Amino acid sequence: MPPRRDLGRGERVLPGLWRLRLPLPWPGIPHCNAWAIAKGKGFVLVDTGMYDASSMQQLERSLHQVKLELDDATLVAITHAHSDHWGQSAPIVQRAGCEMWMHPNHETQFANLSDPDRALTRRMEVARHSGVPDGALTEYVKRVKDMPSGVAETIEPDQPLVDGVTIDTDLGPWQVIETPGHTPSHVCLFQPERRLLISGDHLLGRISLYFDYGQSPDRSASIWPRWIGSPSCGRGWHCRATASRSWTCPVISTPPAGWWSRTSSGRRPPSPVSDARR
């Protein structure tokens, strides 16, 4: 019997900010997170979840739980071009009549959709180089060979999400911070007045850090949020920074050791992120 899939679920994080928990079909990663941020009579949607036969229904289910309607989306902002983060962009844009913004360095991910065999071969090369046993790779290939892409339709972004771009919301403007590494197209969104960070897959708690194209440079080391939203690895992290920029992260999830980006001087923040229990 196939494992039971999660259902879409919405919850308020702060007034004007909601987490949308959307189901995924992958072993060990039962859901990803998208985010809705209030803007006027509508909202900005950050990431979309993966596309399949029931995914739009699950997205609407999560929105309804926080009293939002998909038709009221004013913008879709994508943290990076992986299927679980932008796979439903096309039907959402068509439905809501809004724009989709994404970093321009998405060519590799778009090419993978047109040539999935090449993409799988490349992933196997990276896995072997990383020491994954051949037996595990063989089983992985059997499982994913005919798996759908998770992307409804490839569409080009209406505007590039790059340094200097801001996204206006009722919580204030969110700054775009380029953080390539997990993918070349990766960005984080930072709200400086409230110290809120939507980190995409730049920080991962439950699963291994995954760098398809190399280590991320230091872009987030100078940001000191009090709350971090991490879409693919469970709940966000509530963080507290002191005047000396030391970190504590109480009772949400356990950030991985050494999660921080290495700074240009080779130093980490003055105090490590504390272990936390769910």
Protein backbone atom coordinates (compact mmCIF):
# COMPACT_ATOMS: atom_id res chain seq x y z
CA MET A 1 0.00 0.00 0.00
CA PRO A 2 1.46 3.41 -0.93
CA PRO A 3 2.17 5.73 2.00
CA ARG A 4 -0.60 8.14 2.91
CA ARG A 5 -0.04 11.63 1.53
CA ASP A 6 -0.25 14.72 3.69
CA LEU A 7 -3.09 17.17 3.13
CA GLY A 8 -2.64 20.86 2.46
CA ARG A 9 -2.73 22.93 5.62
CA GLY A 10 -2.55 26.65 6.35
CA GLU A 11 -1.59 28.41 9.56
CA ARG A 12 -0.91 31.95 10.67
CA VAL A 13 2.69 32.68 11.62
CA LEU A 14 2.21 36.39 12.34
CA PRO A 15 -0.58 38.82 11.51
CA GLY A 16 -0.31 39.17 7.75
CA LEU A 17 1.99 36.16 7.25
CA TRP A 18 0.81 32.59 6.71
CA ARG A 19 2.53 29.26 6.14
CA LEU A 20 0.97 26.97 3.54
CA ARG A 21 2.02 23.37 4.10
CA LEU A 22 1.73 21.50 0.78
CA PRO A 23 2.15 17.71 0.30
CA LEU A 24 5.05 16.13 -1.57
CA PRO A 25 5.39 12.55 -2.89
CA TRP A 26 9.01 12.07 -1.82
CA PRO A 27 10.11 9.62 0.91
CA GLY A 28 11.27 11.46 4.01
CA ILE A 29 10.01 14.84 2.76
CA PRO A 30 6.22 14.71 3.18
CA HIS A 31 5.59 18.39 2.54
CA CYS A 32 7.04 21.72 1.48
CA ASN A 33 6.06 25.19 2.62
CA ALA A 34 4.82 28.13 0.64
CA TRP A 35 4.13 31.52 2.20
CA ALA A 36 1.34 34.08 1.85
CA ILE A 37 2.06 37.69 2.79
CA ALA A 38 -0.79 40.19 3.03
CA LYS A 39 -0.89 42.96 0.46
CA GLY A 40 -3.96 45.21 0.32
CA LYS A 41 -7.01 43.11 -0.47
CA GLY A 42 -4.87 40.23 -1.65
CA PHE A 43 -1.54 38.58 -0.89
CA VAL A 44 1.89 37.80 -2.29
CA LEU A 45 2.50 34.07 -2.68
CA VAL A 46 6.10 32.95 -2.09
CA ASP A 47 6.68 29.56 -3.74
CA THR A 48 3.92 27.31 -5.03
CA GLY A 49 4.49 23.67 -4.20
CA MET A 50 4.89 20.82 -6.68
CA TYR A 51 2.34 20.20 -9.43
CA ASP A 52 0.36 16.98 -9.77
CA ALA A 53 -3.25 15.94 -10.32
CA SER A 54 -4.42 17.10 -6.88
CA SER A 55 -1.88 19.78 -5.98
CA MET A 56 -3.97 22.82 -6.88
CA GLN A 57 -6.76 21.44 -4.70
CA GLN A 58 -4.32 21.07 -1.81
CA LEU A 59 -3.06 24.63 -2.29
CA GLU A 60 -6.60 25.98 -2.22
CA ARG A 61 -7.37 23.87 0.84
CA SER A 62 -4.46 25.42 2.72
CA LEU A 63 -5.47 28.93 1.62
CA HIS A 64 -9.07 28.43 2.70
CA GLN A 65 -7.93 27.43 6.18
CA VAL A 66 -6.46 30.91 6.61
CA LYS A 67 -9.39 32.59 4.82
CA LEU A 68 -7.53 33.41 1.62
CA GLU A 69 -8.59 32.86 -1.99
CA LEU A 70 -6.19 31.91 -4.79
CA ASP A 71 -7.83 34.42 -7.13
CA ASP A 72 -6.61 37.22 -4.81
CA ALA A 73 -2.90 36.49 -5.30
CA THR A 74 -1.26 39.71 -6.52
CA LEU A 75 2.20 38.23 -7.19
CA VAL A 76 3.99 34.87 -7.20
CA ALA A 77 7.60 35.18 -6.00
CA ILE A 78 9.84 32.11 -6.39
CA THR A 79 12.82 31.40 -4.15
CA HIS A 80 14.34 28.99 -6.70
CA ALA A 81 13.55 26.89 -9.76
CA HIS A 82 13.02 23.46 -8.19
CA SER A 83 9.70 21.77 -8.89
CA ASP A 84 8.50 21.83 -5.27
CA HIS A 85 8.95 25.61 -5.19
CA TRP A 86 7.70 26.78 -8.58
CA GLY A 87 5.91 23.77 -10.12
CA GLN A 88 2.43 25.30 -9.89
CA SER A 89 3.38 28.76 -11.12
CA ALA A 90 1.68 28.51 -14.51
CA PRO A 91 -1.82 27.54 -13.34
CA ILE A 92 -1.66 30.05 -10.46
CA VAL A 93 -0.66 32.89 -12.77
CA GLN A 94 -3.40 31.93 -15.22
CA ARG A 95 -5.99 31.68 -12.46
CA ALA A 96 -5.10 34.85 -10.53
CA GLY A 97 -3.97 36.97 -13.46
CA CYS A 98 -0.82 38.00 -11.58
CA GLU A 99 2.88 38.05 -12.42
CA MET A 100 5.57 35.53 -11.46
CA TRP A 101 9.04 36.76 -10.44
CA MET A 102 12.14 34.54 -10.30
CA HIS A 103 15.92 34.85 -10.47
CA PRO A 104 17.15 34.78 -14.10
CA ASN A 105 19.71 31.98 -13.55
CA HIS A 106 17.09 29.26 -14.02
CA GLU A 107 18.31 27.93 -17.37
CA THR A 108 19.72 24.68 -15.97
CA GLN A 109 16.49 23.75 -14.22
CA PHE A 110 14.45 24.63 -17.30
CA ALA A 111 16.80 22.50 -19.45
CA ASN A 112 16.38 19.58 -17.07
CA LEU A 113 12.65 19.60 -17.79
CA SER A 114 13.25 19.27 -21.53
CA ASP A 115 15.91 16.55 -21.09
CA PRO A 116 15.13 14.58 -17.91
CA ASP A 117 17.48 11.71 -18.84
CA ARG A 118 20.42 14.11 -18.95
CA ALA A 119 19.38 15.59 -15.63
CA LEU A 120 19.18 12.13 -14.03
CA THR A 121 22.61 11.18 -15.39
CA ARG A 122 24.08 14.36 -13.92
CA ARG A 123 22.46 13.71 -10.56
CA MET A 124 23.90 10.18 -10.51
CA GLU A 125 27.38 11.59 -11.20
CA VAL A 126 27.05 14.00 -8.29
CA ALA A 127 25.73 11.22 -6.02
CA ARG A 128 28.57 8.81 -6.87
CA HIS A 129 31.12 11.55 -6.35
CA SER A 130 29.51 12.18 -2.95
CA GLY A 131 29.88 8.52 -1.95
CA VAL A 132 26.32 7.22 -2.35
CA PRO A 133 26.45 3.39 -2.69
CA ASP A 134 25.64 1.90 -6.10
CA GLY A 135 22.81 -0.20 -4.66
CA ALA A 136 21.03 2.85 -3.33
CA LEU A 137 21.49 4.64 -6.65
CA THR A 138 20.02 1.69 -8.56
CA GLU A 139 16.90 1.74 -6.39
CA TYR A 140 16.65 5.50 -6.75
CA VAL A 141 16.75 5.28 -10.55
CA LYS A 142 13.99 2.67 -10.55
CA ARG A 143 11.83 4.90 -8.39
CA VAL A 144 12.26 8.18 -10.23
CA LYS A 145 12.79 7.10 -13.87
CA ASP A 146 9.16 7.66 -14.83
CA MET A 147 8.21 10.12 -12.11
CA PRO A 148 6.41 13.23 -13.42
CA SER A 149 8.42 16.43 -13.46
CA GLY A 150 6.22 18.19 -10.91
CA VAL A 151 6.05 21.29 -13.12
CA ALA A 152 2.72 22.10 -14.75
CA GLU A 153 4.20 24.23 -17.53
CA THR A 154 7.43 26.12 -18.11
CA ILE A 155 6.85 29.87 -18.09
CA GLU A 156 9.37 32.68 -18.07
CA PRO A 157 9.33 35.11 -15.13
CA ASP A 158 7.82 38.55 -15.67
CA GLN A 159 10.57 40.20 -13.63
CA PRO A 160 13.94 38.97 -12.35
CA LEU A 161 14.40 38.61 -8.60
CA VAL A 162 17.88 40.03 -8.08
CA ASP A 163 19.69 42.19 -5.54
CA GLY A 164 18.06 45.60 -5.29
CA VAL A 165 14.54 44.38 -6.06
CA THR A 166 11.96 44.74 -3.28
CA ILE A 167 8.53 43.20 -2.89
CA ASP A 168 6.00 45.50 -1.26
CA THR A 169 3.56 44.00 1.27
CA ASP A 170 1.49 45.10 4.25
CA LEU A 171 4.38 43.95 6.49
CA GLY A 172 6.70 46.33 4.66
CA PRO A 173 9.11 45.80 1.75
CA TRP A 174 11.00 42.52 1.44
CA GLN A 175 14.53 42.72 0.09
CA VAL A 176 15.75 40.17 -2.44
CA ILE A 177 19.10 38.60 -1.51
CA GLU A 178 20.81 36.42 -4.08
CA THR A 179 22.04 33.16 -2.48
CA PRO A 180 23.18 30.81 -5.28
CA GLY A 181 24.41 27.39 -4.20
CA HIS A 182 21.43 25.12 -3.67
CA THR A 183 20.54 26.24 -7.18
CA PRO A 184 21.96 29.09 -9.29
CA SER A 185 18.52 30.70 -9.12
CA HIS A 186 18.22 30.75 -5.33
CA VAL A 187 17.18 33.89 -3.46
CA CYS A 188 16.08 34.69 0.08
CA LEU A 189 13.57 37.39 1.04
CA PHE A 190 14.32 39.60 4.03
CA GLN A 191 12.04 42.07 5.81
CA PRO A 192 14.52 44.29 7.71
CA GLU A 193 12.20 46.23 10.05
CA ARG A 194 10.62 43.05 11.43
CA ARG A 195 13.76 40.92 10.89
CA LEU A 196 11.90 38.21 9.00
CA LEU A 197 13.68 35.89 6.57
CA ILE A 198 12.08 33.53 4.05
CA SER A 199 15.09 31.36 3.33
CA GLY A 200 13.85 28.92 0.69
CA ASP A 201 16.26 25.97 0.74
CA HIS A 202 19.25 28.10 1.74
CA LEU A 203 18.87 26.71 5.28
CA LEU A 204 17.67 23.14 5.80
CA GLY A 205 16.97 21.53 9.15
CA ARG A 206 15.59 18.03 8.69
CA ILE A 207 17.34 16.92 5.52
CA SER A 208 20.88 17.22 4.27
CA LEU A 209 22.05 20.45 2.74
CA TYR A 210 21.89 19.93 -1.01
CA PHE A 211 24.23 21.92 -3.23
CA ASP A 212 23.81 20.93 -6.87
CA TYR A 213 26.13 23.62 -8.15
CA GLY A 214 28.51 24.55 -5.37
CA GLN A 215 28.74 26.26 -2.00
CA SER A 216 26.64 29.36 -1.47
CA PRO A 217 28.67 32.53 -1.04
CA ASP A 218 28.30 34.77 1.96
CA ARG A 219 25.10 36.74 1.43
CA SER A 220 23.03 35.93 4.51
CA ALA A 221 25.77 36.10 7.14
CA SER A 222 25.11 39.80 7.72
CA ILE A 223 21.36 39.27 8.23
CA TRP A 224 20.09 38.68 11.75
CA PRO A 225 16.44 37.62 11.60
CA ARG A 226 14.24 36.82 14.56
CA TRP A 227 12.23 34.34 12.49
CA ILE A 228 13.31 32.11 9.60
CA GLY A 229 10.90 30.38 7.23
CA SER A 230 12.41 27.28 5.60
CA PRO A 231 9.99 25.93 2.99
CA SER A 232 11.13 22.36 2.44
CA CYS A 233 12.04 21.14 5.92
CA GLY A 234 9.12 21.52 8.29
CA ARG A 235 8.37 24.43 10.56
CA GLY A 236 10.22 27.72 10.61
CA TRP A 237 12.82 28.66 13.17
CA HIS A 238 12.15 31.35 15.75
CA CYS A 239 15.46 33.06 16.41
CA ARG A 240 16.60 35.69 18.84
CA ALA A 241 19.71 37.81 18.27
CA THR A 242 21.32 39.76 21.08
CA ALA A 243 23.07 43.10 20.65
CA SER A 244 26.27 41.16 20.02
CA ARG A 245 24.47 39.13 17.34
CA SER A 246 24.56 35.84 19.22
CA TRP A 247 21.85 33.37 18.29
CA THR A 248 19.32 31.28 20.14
CA CYS A 249 16.55 29.34 18.42
CA PRO A 250 13.97 28.02 20.89
CA VAL A 251 11.60 25.08 20.44
CA ILE A 252 10.92 24.92 16.74
CA SER A 253 13.38 22.68 14.91
CA THR A 254 17.05 21.81 15.06
CA PRO A 255 19.22 23.73 12.59
CA PRO A 256 22.14 21.66 11.28
CA ALA A 257 25.57 22.19 12.78
CA GLY A 258 27.48 24.78 10.81
CA TRP A 259 24.37 26.03 8.98
CA TRP A 260 25.71 29.55 8.63
CA SER A 261 27.28 30.79 5.41
CA ARG A 262 31.01 31.23 5.79
CA THR A 263 31.91 34.88 5.88
CA SER A 264 34.46 36.53 3.65
CA SER A 265 36.85 36.70 6.61
CA GLY A 266 36.42 33.00 7.34
CA ARG A 267 34.67 33.65 10.67
CA ARG A 268 31.27 32.41 11.79
CA PRO A 269 28.83 34.40 13.94
CA PRO A 270 30.11 34.84 17.53
CA SER A 271 27.82 32.18 18.98
CA PRO A 272 26.56 29.00 17.31
CA VAL A 273 22.90 28.31 16.75
CA SER A 274 21.60 26.42 19.76
CA ASP A 275 20.01 23.02 19.53
CA ALA A 276 16.25 23.17 19.84
CA ARG A 277 13.58 20.56 20.30
CA ARG A 278 10.26 20.39 18.54
